[in-house]
Amino acid sequence: MTPKNNDDNKEGVHDLLLFGSQKTEVVKKKEQVPPEKIDQDNQIKLVYELKPFGSHYRYSVLFSNQSAAPITELKIRIRYPSFLRLCRSNPPTISYDLANTGEKFVQVKIEFNRLEAKSQKQVNLFFSPEDLEEIGEIRTFVTFVNYEDFVRALNSDPVIIHFIPVTVEPKIVPSSEVSKILNQDGIKKAIKSIGIGSKKLFDEDTYFNQLIQITINQNFQLIAKDTAKKIGWYYGTDLVSGDDILVIGQIVKNKVEWISASKNPHLLVSVLTQLAKKYIQRLRVMGILEPEDSAFDLECKFCGNPLPYFPKRGKSIECGKCNLEQVVWSK
């Protein structure tokens, strides 16, 4: 929209005659240059992306003001399917509200008062799948007020997210090849750590035996195990993609932990989610984990790094990467 022109933009008064004088004076008024038109409509950009990130999916939204004027009242709504669980956000200092929009969707609302000219805001949301047999979409809706005080809106296209449970075929490889597999070009790695919030004494042997059994039940081939150190190595091939998967399962510092490696990062999310889910179900069926007990993700709420150990109930723990303290479970 073109800014309104003031009356000052009209032609000035010329040759004003002063009576009672033999002289004629010319009074010239300086012409005001109208402000330059700022085309914000074509310089406000919304970029979004969904990709695997370790054992989760990261949905990134980049909102960019490339114009020469600021915008205000920036409101971002991100709607995602309810089979995804929001684990954390980055930057961790942003505040947001969660709202249920029905049985199938949850919505995140984020607000910024002002976005200066030639600047941008990026928000990353990290999701963990709760169900690997669902299909849904993630969408972003943005409104803001431009420099002319008009409300404008930008919406993303839907991003489809579809999980397919991994179907593994056992594959035998020599244990000496494990280090070579981990160091292959293009290999991706991910970690899933959980803490078992039970009142019962933590029995490493029991938890390790169940870890071995559930991993074998998912059709992975046991390559080697170290009972003393409570660690096992497993290998398999995904029948759909044909990609190989290495899984290392261990009990360490009161944690149940899986480390997975593959050239297909989507597989890592599905494999680790499936193993953790089946493991917790097995503990409940066997009565090792009571109905009132819970399993906790041992991932830093601020940076996502695996926490060094599973703390006691109500005790805080410091992340080994960002050095920020947090409480994994409350009293």
C-alpha atoms as a PDB file:
ATOM      1  CA  MET A   1       0.000   0.000   0.000  1.00  0.00           C
ATOM      2  CA  THR A   2       1.369   3.437  -0.929  1.00  0.00           C
ATOM      3  CA  PRO A   3       1.838   5.845   2.043  1.00  0.00           C
ATOM      4  CA  LYS A   4      -0.517   8.822   2.113  1.00  0.00           C
ATOM      5  CA  ASN A   5       0.857  12.042   0.645  1.00  0.00           C
ATOM      6  CA  ASN A   6       0.660  15.192   2.799  1.00  0.00           C
ATOM      7  CA  ASP A   7      -0.509  18.567   1.482  1.00  0.00           C
ATOM      8  CA  ASP A   8       3.125  19.603   1.720  1.00  0.00           C
ATOM      9  CA  ASN A   9       3.716  17.699  -1.475  1.00  0.00           C
ATOM     10  CA  LYS A  10       1.716  20.279  -3.489  1.00  0.00           C
ATOM     11  CA  GLU A  11       3.501  22.922  -5.537  1.00  0.00           C
ATOM     12  CA  GLY A  12       4.872  25.687  -3.278  1.00  0.00           C
ATOM     13  CA  VAL A  13       3.922  29.386  -3.430  1.00  0.00           C
ATOM     14  CA  HIS A  14       6.045  31.425  -5.952  1.00  0.00           C
ATOM     15  CA  ASP A  15       6.743  35.136  -6.439  1.00  0.00           C
ATOM     16  CA  LEU A  16       5.088  36.397  -3.272  1.00  0.00           C
ATOM     17  CA  LEU A  17       4.869  40.246  -3.614  1.00  0.00           C
ATOM     18  CA  LEU A  18       5.531  42.258  -0.471  1.00  0.00           C
ATOM     19  CA  PHE A  19       3.410  45.499  -0.660  1.00  0.00           C
ATOM     20  CA  GLY A  20       5.007  48.799   0.306  1.00  0.00           C
ATOM     21  CA  SER A  21       8.314  47.839  -1.147  1.00  0.00           C
ATOM     22  CA  GLN A  22       9.945  48.349  -4.491  1.00  0.00           C
ATOM     23  CA  LYS A  23      11.529  44.873  -4.266  1.00  0.00           C
ATOM     24  CA  THR A  24       9.991  41.607  -5.200  1.00  0.00           C
ATOM     25  CA  GLU A  25      11.088  38.600  -3.150  1.00  0.00           C
ATOM     26  CA  VAL A  26      10.693  35.032  -4.190  1.00  0.00           C
ATOM     27  CA  VAL A  27       9.992  32.564  -1.344  1.00  0.00           C
ATOM     28  CA  LYS A  28      10.654  28.961  -2.282  1.00  0.00           C
ATOM     29  CA  LYS A  29       9.478  26.095  -0.095  1.00  0.00           C
ATOM     30  CA  LYS A  30      11.691  22.995  -0.034  1.00  0.00           C
ATOM     31  CA  GLU A  31       9.895  20.072  -1.600  1.00  0.00           C
ATOM     32  CA  GLN A  32       9.506  17.072   0.733  1.00  0.00           C
ATOM     33  CA  VAL A  33      10.581  13.755  -0.739  1.00  0.00           C
ATOM     34  CA  PRO A  34       7.960  11.065  -0.100  1.00  0.00           C
ATOM     35  CA  PRO A  35       9.190   8.005   1.825  1.00  0.00           C
ATOM     36  CA  GLU A  36      10.346   5.098  -0.242  1.00  0.00           C
ATOM     37  CA  LYS A  37       7.871   2.259  -0.666  1.00  0.00           C
ATOM     38  CA  ILE A  38       8.844  -0.786   1.402  1.00  0.00           C
ATOM     39  CA  ASP A  39       7.647  -4.005  -0.219  1.00  0.00           C
ATOM     40  CA  GLN A  40       7.296  -6.206   2.866  1.00  0.00           C
ATOM     41  CA  ASP A  41       4.827  -8.591   1.275  1.00  0.00           C
ATOM     42  CA  ASN A  42       7.554 -10.127  -0.874  1.00  0.00           C
ATOM     43  CA  GLN A  43      10.316  -9.928   1.705  1.00  0.00           C
ATOM     44  CA  ILE A  44       8.796 -11.852   4.604  1.00  0.00           C
ATOM     45  CA  LYS A  45       9.793 -15.504   4.237  1.00  0.00           C
ATOM     46  CA  LEU A  46       8.717 -18.738   5.932  1.00  0.00           C
ATOM     47  CA  VAL A  47      11.013 -21.754   5.575  1.00  0.00           C
ATOM     48  CA  TYR A  48      10.306 -25.100   7.268  1.00  0.00           C
ATOM     49  CA  GLU A  49      11.849 -28.558   7.337  1.00  0.00           C
ATOM     50  CA  LEU A  50      11.268 -31.943   8.964  1.00  0.00           C
ATOM     51  CA  LYS A  51      14.201 -34.343   9.264  1.00  0.00           C
ATOM     52  CA  PRO A  52      15.531 -37.100  11.546  1.00  0.00           C
ATOM     53  CA  PHE A  53      17.684 -35.872  14.404  1.00  0.00           C
ATOM     54  CA  GLY A  54      19.172 -38.685  16.475  1.00  0.00           C
ATOM     55  CA  SER A  55      16.333 -40.684  18.025  1.00  0.00           C
ATOM     56  CA  HIS A  56      13.800 -37.921  17.270  1.00  0.00           C
ATOM     57  CA  TYR A  57      12.446 -35.843  14.415  1.00  0.00           C
ATOM     58  CA  ARG A  58      13.275 -32.149  14.289  1.00  0.00           C
ATOM     59  CA  TYR A  59      10.793 -29.714  12.790  1.00  0.00           C
ATOM     60  CA  SER A  60      12.476 -26.376  12.046  1.00  0.00           C
ATOM     61  CA  VAL A  61      10.687 -23.114  11.267  1.00  0.00           C
ATOM     62  CA  LEU A  62      12.702 -20.128  10.040  1.00  0.00           C
ATOM     63  CA  PHE A  63      10.804 -16.832   9.813  1.00  0.00           C
ATOM     64  CA  SER A  64      12.804 -14.138   8.065  1.00  0.00           C
ATOM     65  CA  ASN A  65      12.172 -10.387   7.733  1.00  0.00           C
ATOM     66  CA  GLN A  66      14.307  -9.328   4.766  1.00  0.00           C
ATOM     67  CA  SER A  67      12.639  -5.925   4.436  1.00  0.00           C
ATOM     68  CA  ALA A  68      13.910  -2.519   5.577  1.00  0.00           C
ATOM     69  CA  ALA A  69      11.247  -2.117   8.287  1.00  0.00           C
ATOM     70  CA  PRO A  70      10.362  -4.084  11.423  1.00  0.00           C
ATOM     71  CA  ILE A  71       7.226  -6.148  11.963  1.00  0.00           C
ATOM     72  CA  THR A  72       5.357  -6.694  15.220  1.00  0.00           C
ATOM     73  CA  GLU A  73       2.983  -9.127  16.955  1.00  0.00           C
ATOM     74  CA  LEU A  74       4.546 -12.174  15.335  1.00  0.00           C
ATOM     75  CA  LYS A  75       2.432 -15.226  16.205  1.00  0.00           C
ATOM     76  CA  ILE A  76       3.445 -18.729  15.151  1.00  0.00           C
ATOM     77  CA  ARG A  77       1.146 -21.740  15.430  1.00  0.00           C
ATOM     78  CA  ILE A  78       2.522 -25.199  14.705  1.00  0.00           C
ATOM     79  CA  ARG A  79      -0.027 -28.006  14.500  1.00  0.00           C
ATOM     80  CA  TYR A  80       1.179 -31.600  14.711  1.00  0.00           C
ATOM     81  CA  PRO A  81      -0.471 -35.039  15.076  1.00  0.00           C
ATOM     82  CA  SER A  82      -1.136 -36.361  18.563  1.00  0.00           C
ATOM     83  CA  PHE A  83       0.940 -39.511  17.971  1.00  0.00           C
ATOM     84  CA  LEU A  84       4.013 -37.277  18.249  1.00  0.00           C
ATOM     85  CA  ARG A  85       5.293 -36.225  21.670  1.00  0.00           C
ATOM     86  CA  LEU A  86       7.027 -32.865  21.961  1.00  0.00           C
ATOM     87  CA  CYS A  87      10.286 -33.588  23.823  1.00  0.00           C
ATOM     88  CA  ARG A  88      11.956 -30.177  23.808  1.00  0.00           C
ATOM     89  CA  SER A  89      12.402 -26.966  21.865  1.00  0.00           C
ATOM     90  CA  ASN A  90      15.335 -24.892  20.718  1.00  0.00           C
ATOM     91  CA  PRO A  91      16.130 -22.260  21.726  1.00  0.00           C
ATOM     92  CA  PRO A  92      15.113 -23.588  25.151  1.00  0.00           C
ATOM     93  CA  THR A  93      14.338 -20.062  26.361  1.00  0.00           C
ATOM     94  CA  ILE A  94      11.296 -19.594  24.122  1.00  0.00           C
ATOM     95  CA  SER A  95       7.937 -19.810  25.834  1.00  0.00           C
ATOM     96  CA  TYR A  96       5.021 -21.562  24.200  1.00  0.00           C
ATOM     97  CA  ASP A  97       1.552 -22.843  24.954  1.00  0.00           C
ATOM     98  CA  LEU A  98       0.232 -26.283  24.101  1.00  0.00           C
ATOM     99  CA  ALA A  99      -3.385 -26.678  23.092  1.00  0.00           C
ATOM    100  CA  ASN A 100      -5.363 -29.755  22.067  1.00  0.00           C
ATOM    101  CA  THR A 101      -7.346 -29.217  18.885  1.00  0.00           C
ATOM    102  CA  GLY A 102      -9.140 -32.538  19.103  1.00  0.00           C
ATOM    103  CA  GLU A 103      -8.105 -36.172  19.301  1.00  0.00           C
ATOM    104  CA  LYS A 104      -5.822 -36.056  16.286  1.00  0.00           C
ATOM    105  CA  PHE A 105      -3.865 -32.814  16.663  1.00  0.00           C
ATOM    106  CA  VAL A 106      -1.915 -30.764  19.187  1.00  0.00           C
ATOM    107  CA  GLN A 107      -0.928 -27.149  18.629  1.00  0.00           C
ATOM    108  CA  VAL A 108       2.069 -25.105  19.782  1.00  0.00           C
ATOM    109  CA  LYS A 109       1.655 -21.324  20.017  1.00  0.00           C
ATOM    110  CA  ILE A 110       4.737 -19.088  20.073  1.00  0.00           C
ATOM    111  CA  GLU A 111       4.737 -15.278  20.119  1.00  0.00           C
ATOM    112  CA  PHE A 112       7.364 -12.580  19.541  1.00  0.00           C
ATOM    113  CA  ASN A 113       6.619  -8.905  20.136  1.00  0.00           C
ATOM    114  CA  ARG A 114       8.887  -7.574  17.415  1.00  0.00           C
ATOM    115  CA  LEU A 115      11.139  -8.699  14.596  1.00  0.00           C
ATOM    116  CA  GLU A 116      13.585  -6.072  13.407  1.00  0.00           C
ATOM    117  CA  ALA A 117      14.434  -5.325   9.777  1.00  0.00           C
ATOM    118  CA  LYS A 118      16.940  -7.684   8.167  1.00  0.00           C
ATOM    119  CA  SER A 119      16.616 -10.244  10.961  1.00  0.00           C
ATOM    120  CA  GLN A 120      15.111 -13.672  11.535  1.00  0.00           C
ATOM    121  CA  LYS A 121      13.760 -16.070  14.152  1.00  0.00           C
ATOM    122  CA  GLN A 122      14.238 -19.829  14.104  1.00  0.00           C
ATOM    123  CA  VAL A 123      12.382 -22.351  16.247  1.00  0.00           C
ATOM    124  CA  ASN A 124      13.179 -26.072  16.404  1.00  0.00           C
ATOM    125  CA  LEU A 125      10.736 -28.586  17.860  1.00  0.00           C
ATOM    126  CA  PHE A 126      11.893 -32.125  18.639  1.00  0.00           C
ATOM    127  CA  PHE A 127       9.317 -34.921  18.419  1.00  0.00           C
ATOM    128  CA  SER A 128       9.359 -38.530  19.532  1.00  0.00           C
ATOM    129  CA  PRO A 129       6.832 -40.883  17.899  1.00  0.00           C
ATOM    130  CA  GLU A 130       4.385 -42.623  20.221  1.00  0.00           C
ATOM    131  CA  ASP A 131       2.974 -44.880  17.512  1.00  0.00           C
ATOM    132  CA  LEU A 132       4.861 -46.199  14.487  1.00  0.00           C
ATOM    133  CA  GLU A 133       1.779 -47.164  12.487  1.00  0.00           C
ATOM    134  CA  GLU A 134       0.216 -43.730  12.082  1.00  0.00           C
ATOM    135  CA  ILE A 135       0.290 -41.104   9.356  1.00  0.00           C
ATOM    136  CA  GLY A 136      -0.284 -37.391   9.835  1.00  0.00           C
ATOM    137  CA  GLU A 137       0.856 -33.919   8.887  1.00  0.00           C
ATOM    138  CA  ILE A 138       2.595 -30.941  10.446  1.00  0.00           C
ATOM    139  CA  ARG A 139       1.612 -27.396   9.446  1.00  0.00           C
ATOM    140  CA  THR A 140       2.708 -23.903  10.422  1.00  0.00           C
ATOM    141  CA  PHE A 141       0.477 -20.818  10.509  1.00  0.00           C
ATOM    142  CA  VAL A 142       1.975 -17.349  10.999  1.00  0.00           C
ATOM    143  CA  THR A 143       0.413 -13.907  11.455  1.00  0.00           C
ATOM    144  CA  PHE A 144       2.152 -10.559  11.973  1.00  0.00           C
ATOM    145  CA  VAL A 145       1.550  -6.827  11.726  1.00  0.00           C
ATOM    146  CA  ASN A 146       3.517  -5.030   9.011  1.00  0.00           C
ATOM    147  CA  TYR A 147       4.942  -1.488   9.157  1.00  0.00           C
ATOM    148  CA  GLU A 148       1.676  -0.071   7.807  1.00  0.00           C
ATOM    149  CA  ASP A 149      -0.271  -1.681  10.676  1.00  0.00           C
ATOM    150  CA  PHE A 150      -1.932  -4.285   8.485  1.00  0.00           C
ATOM    151  CA  VAL A 151      -2.223  -7.890   9.612  1.00  0.00           C
ATOM    152  CA  ARG A 152      -0.582 -10.342   7.256  1.00  0.00           C
ATOM    153  CA  ALA A 153      -0.503 -14.159   7.255  1.00  0.00           C
ATOM    154  CA  LEU A 154       1.811 -16.872   5.964  1.00  0.00           C
ATOM    155  CA  ASN A 155       1.022 -20.584   6.023  1.00  0.00           C
ATOM    156  CA  SER A 156       3.171 -23.603   5.256  1.00  0.00           C
ATOM    157  CA  ASP A 157       2.211 -26.532   3.110  1.00  0.00           C
ATOM    158  CA  PRO A 158       1.472 -29.718   5.069  1.00  0.00           C
ATOM    159  CA  VAL A 159       4.507 -31.866   5.812  1.00  0.00           C
ATOM    160  CA  ILE A 160       3.506 -35.526   5.822  1.00  0.00           C
ATOM    161  CA  ILE A 161       4.985 -37.736   8.527  1.00  0.00           C
ATOM    162  CA  HIS A 162       4.511 -41.480   8.152  1.00  0.00           C
ATOM    163  CA  PHE A 163       6.157 -44.107  10.329  1.00  0.00           C
ATOM    164  CA  ILE A 164       6.490 -47.694   9.184  1.00  0.00           C
ATOM    165  CA  PRO A 165       7.536 -50.280  11.789  1.00  0.00           C
ATOM    166  CA  VAL A 166      10.927 -51.745  10.992  1.00  0.00           C
ATOM    167  CA  THR A 167      10.983 -55.330   9.750  1.00  0.00           C
ATOM    168  CA  VAL A 168      14.422 -56.754  10.437  1.00  0.00           C
ATOM    169  CA  GLU A 169      16.166 -59.783   9.026  1.00  0.00           C
ATOM    170  CA  PRO A 170      19.062 -61.097  11.155  1.00  0.00           C
ATOM    171  CA  LYS A 171      22.502 -60.675   9.659  1.00  0.00           C
ATOM    172  CA  ILE A 172      25.701 -62.250  10.947  1.00  0.00           C
ATOM    173  CA  VAL A 173      28.901 -60.218  10.928  1.00  0.00           C
ATOM    174  CA  PRO A 174      32.149 -60.850  12.821  1.00  0.00           C
ATOM    175  CA  SER A 175      32.428 -58.883  16.070  1.00  0.00           C
ATOM    176  CA  SER A 176      35.718 -57.501  14.765  1.00  0.00           C
ATOM    177  CA  GLU A 177      33.745 -55.626  12.074  1.00  0.00           C
ATOM    178  CA  VAL A 178      31.750 -53.516  14.557  1.00  0.00           C
ATOM    179  CA  SER A 179      34.300 -50.694  14.775  1.00  0.00           C
ATOM    180  CA  LYS A 180      34.557 -50.616  10.966  1.00  0.00           C
ATOM    181  CA  ILE A 181      30.784 -50.326  10.672  1.00  0.00           C
ATOM    182  CA  LEU A 182      30.706 -47.398  13.109  1.00  0.00           C
ATOM    183  CA  ASN A 183      33.412 -45.598  11.134  1.00  0.00           C
ATOM    184  CA  GLN A 184      31.919 -46.042   7.665  1.00  0.00           C
ATOM    185  CA  ASP A 185      31.423 -42.964   5.506  1.00  0.00           C
ATOM    186  CA  GLY A 186      27.880 -41.649   5.764  1.00  0.00           C
ATOM    187  CA  ILE A 187      27.009 -43.635   8.878  1.00  0.00           C
ATOM    188  CA  LYS A 188      24.525 -41.965  11.248  1.00  0.00           C
ATOM    189  CA  LYS A 189      24.305 -42.674  14.970  1.00  0.00           C
ATOM    190  CA  ALA A 190      21.629 -42.139  17.599  1.00  0.00           C
ATOM    191  CA  ILE A 191      21.216 -42.866  21.304  1.00  0.00           C
ATOM    192  CA  LYS A 192      18.136 -43.680  23.347  1.00  0.00           C
ATOM    193  CA  SER A 193      18.534 -43.695  27.132  1.00  0.00           C
ATOM    194  CA  ILE A 194      15.737 -44.417  29.598  1.00  0.00           C
ATOM    195  CA  GLY A 195      15.510 -44.566  33.360  1.00  0.00           C
ATOM    196  CA  ILE A 196      13.215 -47.062  35.057  1.00  0.00           C
ATOM    197  CA  GLY A 197      11.279 -45.231  37.759  1.00  0.00           C
ATOM    198  CA  SER A 198      10.502 -48.187  39.989  1.00  0.00           C
ATOM    199  CA  LYS A 199      10.491 -48.483  43.779  1.00  0.00           C
ATOM    200  CA  LYS A 200      12.127 -51.873  43.433  1.00  0.00           C
ATOM    201  CA  LEU A 201      15.881 -52.319  43.675  1.00  0.00           C
ATOM    202  CA  PHE A 202      17.603 -51.790  40.343  1.00  0.00           C
ATOM    203  CA  ASP A 203      18.789 -55.272  39.357  1.00  0.00           C
ATOM    204  CA  GLU A 204      21.282 -54.904  36.500  1.00  0.00           C
ATOM    205  CA  ASP A 205      21.220 -58.609  35.611  1.00  0.00           C
ATOM    206  CA  THR A 206      17.431 -58.662  35.274  1.00  0.00           C
ATOM    207  CA  TYR A 207      17.313 -55.535  33.148  1.00  0.00           C
ATOM    208  CA  PHE A 208      20.210 -56.709  30.983  1.00  0.00           C
ATOM    209  CA  ASN A 209      18.657 -60.126  30.365  1.00  0.00           C
ATOM    210  CA  GLN A 210      15.402 -58.505  29.286  1.00  0.00           C
ATOM    211  CA  LEU A 211      17.295 -56.091  27.052  1.00  0.00           C
ATOM    212  CA  ILE A 212      18.976 -59.005  25.265  1.00  0.00           C
ATOM    213  CA  GLN A 213      15.715 -60.888  24.884  1.00  0.00           C
ATOM    214  CA  ILE A 214      13.663 -57.992  23.539  1.00  0.00           C
ATOM    215  CA  THR A 215      16.359 -57.061  20.988  1.00  0.00           C
ATOM    216  CA  ILE A 216      16.532 -60.656  19.743  1.00  0.00           C
ATOM    217  CA  ASN A 217      12.721 -60.736  19.624  1.00  0.00           C
ATOM    218  CA  GLN A 218      12.888 -57.815  17.182  1.00  0.00           C
ATOM    219  CA  ASN A 219      14.857 -60.189  14.941  1.00  0.00           C
ATOM    220  CA  PHE A 220      18.313 -58.700  15.445  1.00  0.00           C
ATOM    221  CA  GLN A 221      21.234 -61.111  15.397  1.00  0.00           C
ATOM    222  CA  LEU A 222      23.267 -61.174  18.604  1.00  0.00           C
ATOM    223  CA  ILE A 223      26.902 -60.708  17.565  1.00  0.00           C
ATOM    224  CA  ALA A 224      28.566 -60.619  20.961  1.00  0.00           C
ATOM    225  CA  LYS A 225      27.872 -59.763  24.589  1.00  0.00           C
ATOM    226  CA  ASP A 226      29.841 -58.900  27.681  1.00  0.00           C
ATOM    227  CA  THR A 227      27.867 -60.017  30.722  1.00  0.00           C
ATOM    228  CA  ALA A 228      30.257 -58.390  33.168  1.00  0.00           C
ATOM    229  CA  LYS A 229      29.979 -54.966  31.507  1.00  0.00           C
ATOM    230  CA  LYS A 230      26.284 -55.502  30.662  1.00  0.00           C
ATOM    231  CA  ILE A 231      26.643 -54.703  26.960  1.00  0.00           C
ATOM    232  CA  GLY A 232      25.575 -56.515  23.777  1.00  0.00           C
ATOM    233  CA  TRP A 233      26.035 -55.981  20.026  1.00  0.00           C
ATOM    234  CA  TYR A 234      23.331 -56.828  17.464  1.00  0.00           C
ATOM    235  CA  TYR A 235      23.001 -56.598  13.697  1.00  0.00           C
ATOM    236  CA  GLY A 236      20.256 -56.810  11.104  1.00  0.00           C
ATOM    237  CA  THR A 237      18.942 -55.616   7.741  1.00  0.00           C
ATOM    238  CA  ASP A 238      15.735 -53.684   7.200  1.00  0.00           C
ATOM    239  CA  LEU A 239      13.700 -55.644   4.639  1.00  0.00           C
ATOM    240  CA  VAL A 240      11.959 -52.562   3.224  1.00  0.00           C
ATOM    241  CA  SER A 241      14.926 -50.270   2.595  1.00  0.00           C
ATOM    242  CA  GLY A 242      17.665 -52.903   2.496  1.00  0.00           C
ATOM    243  CA  ASP A 243      19.803 -50.834   4.879  1.00  0.00           C
ATOM    244  CA  ASP A 244      21.866 -52.496   7.600  1.00  0.00           C
ATOM    245  CA  ILE A 245      21.411 -51.569  11.245  1.00  0.00           C
ATOM    246  CA  LEU A 246      23.817 -51.986  14.144  1.00  0.00           C
ATOM    247  CA  VAL A 247      22.387 -51.890  17.669  1.00  0.00           C
ATOM    248  CA  ILE A 248      24.375 -51.739  20.896  1.00  0.00           C
ATOM    249  CA  GLY A 249      22.364 -52.305  24.066  1.00  0.00           C
ATOM    250  CA  GLN A 250      23.752 -51.724  27.529  1.00  0.00           C
ATOM    251  CA  ILE A 251      23.011 -51.153  31.195  1.00  0.00           C
ATOM    252  CA  VAL A 252      25.173 -48.319  32.483  1.00  0.00           C
ATOM    253  CA  LYS A 253      24.850 -46.040  35.537  1.00  0.00           C
ATOM    254  CA  ASN A 254      21.272 -47.136  36.231  1.00  0.00           C
ATOM    255  CA  LYS A 255      20.325 -46.430  32.608  1.00  0.00           C
ATOM    256  CA  VAL A 256      18.930 -48.737  29.946  1.00  0.00           C
ATOM    257  CA  GLU A 257      20.551 -47.518  26.757  1.00  0.00           C
ATOM    258  CA  TRP A 258      20.588 -48.317  23.065  1.00  0.00           C
ATOM    259  CA  ILE A 259      23.028 -46.949  20.518  1.00  0.00           C
ATOM    260  CA  SER A 260      22.075 -47.513  16.900  1.00  0.00           C
ATOM    261  CA  ALA A 261      23.958 -46.866  13.654  1.00  0.00           C
ATOM    262  CA  SER A 262      22.837 -46.955  10.028  1.00  0.00           C
ATOM    263  CA  LYS A 263      23.197 -44.982   6.813  1.00  0.00           C
ATOM    264  CA  ASN A 264      19.442 -44.408   6.924  1.00  0.00           C
ATOM    265  CA  PRO A 265      18.633 -41.857   9.677  1.00  0.00           C
ATOM    266  CA  HIS A 266      14.881 -42.553   9.424  1.00  0.00           C
ATOM    267  CA  LEU A 267      15.547 -46.138  10.487  1.00  0.00           C
ATOM    268  CA  LEU A 268      17.296 -44.975  13.630  1.00  0.00           C
ATOM    269  CA  VAL A 269      14.203 -43.148  14.879  1.00  0.00           C
ATOM    270  CA  SER A 270      11.941 -46.134  14.228  1.00  0.00           C
ATOM    271  CA  VAL A 271      14.356 -48.765  15.594  1.00  0.00           C
ATOM    272  CA  LEU A 272      15.076 -46.948  18.855  1.00  0.00           C
ATOM    273  CA  THR A 273      11.418 -46.054  19.388  1.00  0.00           C
ATOM    274  CA  GLN A 274      10.357 -49.647  18.740  1.00  0.00           C
ATOM    275  CA  LEU A 275      13.001 -51.172  21.034  1.00  0.00           C
ATOM    276  CA  ALA A 276      12.216 -48.825  23.928  1.00  0.00           C
ATOM    277  CA  LYS A 277       8.468 -49.319  23.565  1.00  0.00           C
ATOM    278  CA  LYS A 278       8.700 -53.124  23.404  1.00  0.00           C
ATOM    279  CA  TYR A 279      11.129 -53.173  26.310  1.00  0.00           C
ATOM    280  CA  ILE A 280       8.797 -51.220  28.614  1.00  0.00           C
ATOM    281  CA  GLN A 281       5.844 -53.398  27.584  1.00  0.00           C
ATOM    282  CA  ARG A 282       7.844 -56.532  28.442  1.00  0.00           C
ATOM    283  CA  LEU A 283       8.796 -55.187  31.873  1.00  0.00           C
ATOM    284  CA  ARG A 284       5.152 -54.464  32.641  1.00  0.00           C
ATOM    285  CA  VAL A 285       3.927 -57.859  31.456  1.00  0.00           C
ATOM    286  CA  MET A 286       6.543 -59.596  33.621  1.00  0.00           C
ATOM    287  CA  GLY A 287       5.618 -57.484  36.648  1.00  0.00           C
ATOM    288  CA  ILE A 288       9.079 -55.936  36.862  1.00  0.00           C
ATOM    289  CA  LEU A 289       7.552 -52.522  36.240  1.00  0.00           C
ATOM    290  CA  GLU A 290       4.372 -51.805  38.211  1.00  0.00           C
ATOM    291  CA  PRO A 291       1.425 -49.908  36.661  1.00  0.00           C
ATOM    292  CA  GLU A 292       2.226 -46.808  38.724  1.00  0.00           C
ATOM    293  CA  ASP A 293       5.896 -46.877  37.699  1.00  0.00           C
ATOM    294  CA  SER A 294       7.191 -44.833  34.789  1.00  0.00           C
ATOM    295  CA  ALA A 295      10.080 -44.834  32.334  1.00  0.00           C
ATOM    296  CA  PHE A 296      11.854 -41.527  31.742  1.00  0.00           C
ATOM    297  CA  ASP A 297      13.757 -40.253  28.743  1.00  0.00           C
ATOM    298  CA  LEU A 298      17.245 -39.409  29.950  1.00  0.00           C
ATOM    299  CA  GLU A 299      17.837 -36.606  27.509  1.00  0.00           C
ATOM    300  CA  CYS A 300      18.784 -33.077  28.528  1.00  0.00           C
ATOM    301  CA  LYS A 301      15.750 -30.819  28.340  1.00  0.00           C
ATOM    302  CA  PHE A 302      17.931 -27.960  27.133  1.00  0.00           C
ATOM    303  CA  CYS A 303      20.427 -29.380  24.618  1.00  0.00           C
ATOM    304  CA  GLY A 304      19.264 -32.978  24.014  1.00  0.00           C
ATOM    305  CA  ASN A 305      22.505 -34.625  25.143  1.00  0.00           C
ATOM    306  CA  PRO A 306      22.089 -37.974  26.997  1.00  0.00           C
ATOM    307  CA  LEU A 307      22.261 -37.429  30.741  1.00  0.00           C
ATOM    308  CA  PRO A 308      25.238 -39.095  32.455  1.00  0.00           C
ATOM    309  CA  TYR A 309      23.180 -41.276  34.830  1.00  0.00           C
ATOM    310  CA  PHE A 310      19.668 -41.850  36.148  1.00  0.00           C
ATOM    311  CA  PRO A 311      19.278 -39.749  39.322  1.00  0.00           C
ATOM    312  CA  LYS A 312      17.202 -40.641  42.333  1.00  0.00           C
ATOM    313  CA  ARG A 313      13.646 -39.440  42.713  1.00  0.00           C
ATOM    314  CA  GLY A 314      13.447 -35.648  43.112  1.00  0.00           C
ATOM    315  CA  LYS A 315      17.204 -35.157  42.726  1.00  0.00           C
ATOM    316  CA  SER A 316      18.579 -32.763  40.124  1.00  0.00           C
ATOM    317  CA  ILE A 317      21.257 -33.707  37.615  1.00  0.00           C
ATOM    318  CA  GLU A 318      23.702 -31.591  35.635  1.00  0.00           C
ATOM    319  CA  CYS A 319      24.038 -32.136  31.901  1.00  0.00           C
ATOM    320  CA  GLY A 320      27.569 -33.034  30.897  1.00  0.00           C
ATOM    321  CA  LYS A 321      27.345 -30.893  27.759  1.00  0.00           C
ATOM    322  CA  CYS A 322      25.523 -27.658  28.588  1.00  0.00           C
ATOM    323  CA  ASN A 323      26.079 -27.881  32.392  1.00  0.00           C
ATOM    324  CA  LEU A 324      22.460 -26.955  33.141  1.00  0.00           C
ATOM    325  CA  GLU A 325      20.654 -28.673  36.018  1.00  0.00           C
ATOM    326  CA  GLN A 326      17.255 -30.330  35.782  1.00  0.00           C
ATOM    327  CA  VAL A 327      14.999 -32.781  37.581  1.00  0.00           C
ATOM    328  CA  VAL A 328      14.151 -35.942  35.655  1.00  0.00           C
ATOM    329  CA  TRP A 329      11.272 -37.018  37.861  1.00  0.00           C
ATOM    330  CA  SER A 330       9.512 -35.179  40.645  1.00  0.00           C
ATOM    331  CA  LYS A 331       8.605 -36.437  44.110  1.00  0.00           C
END
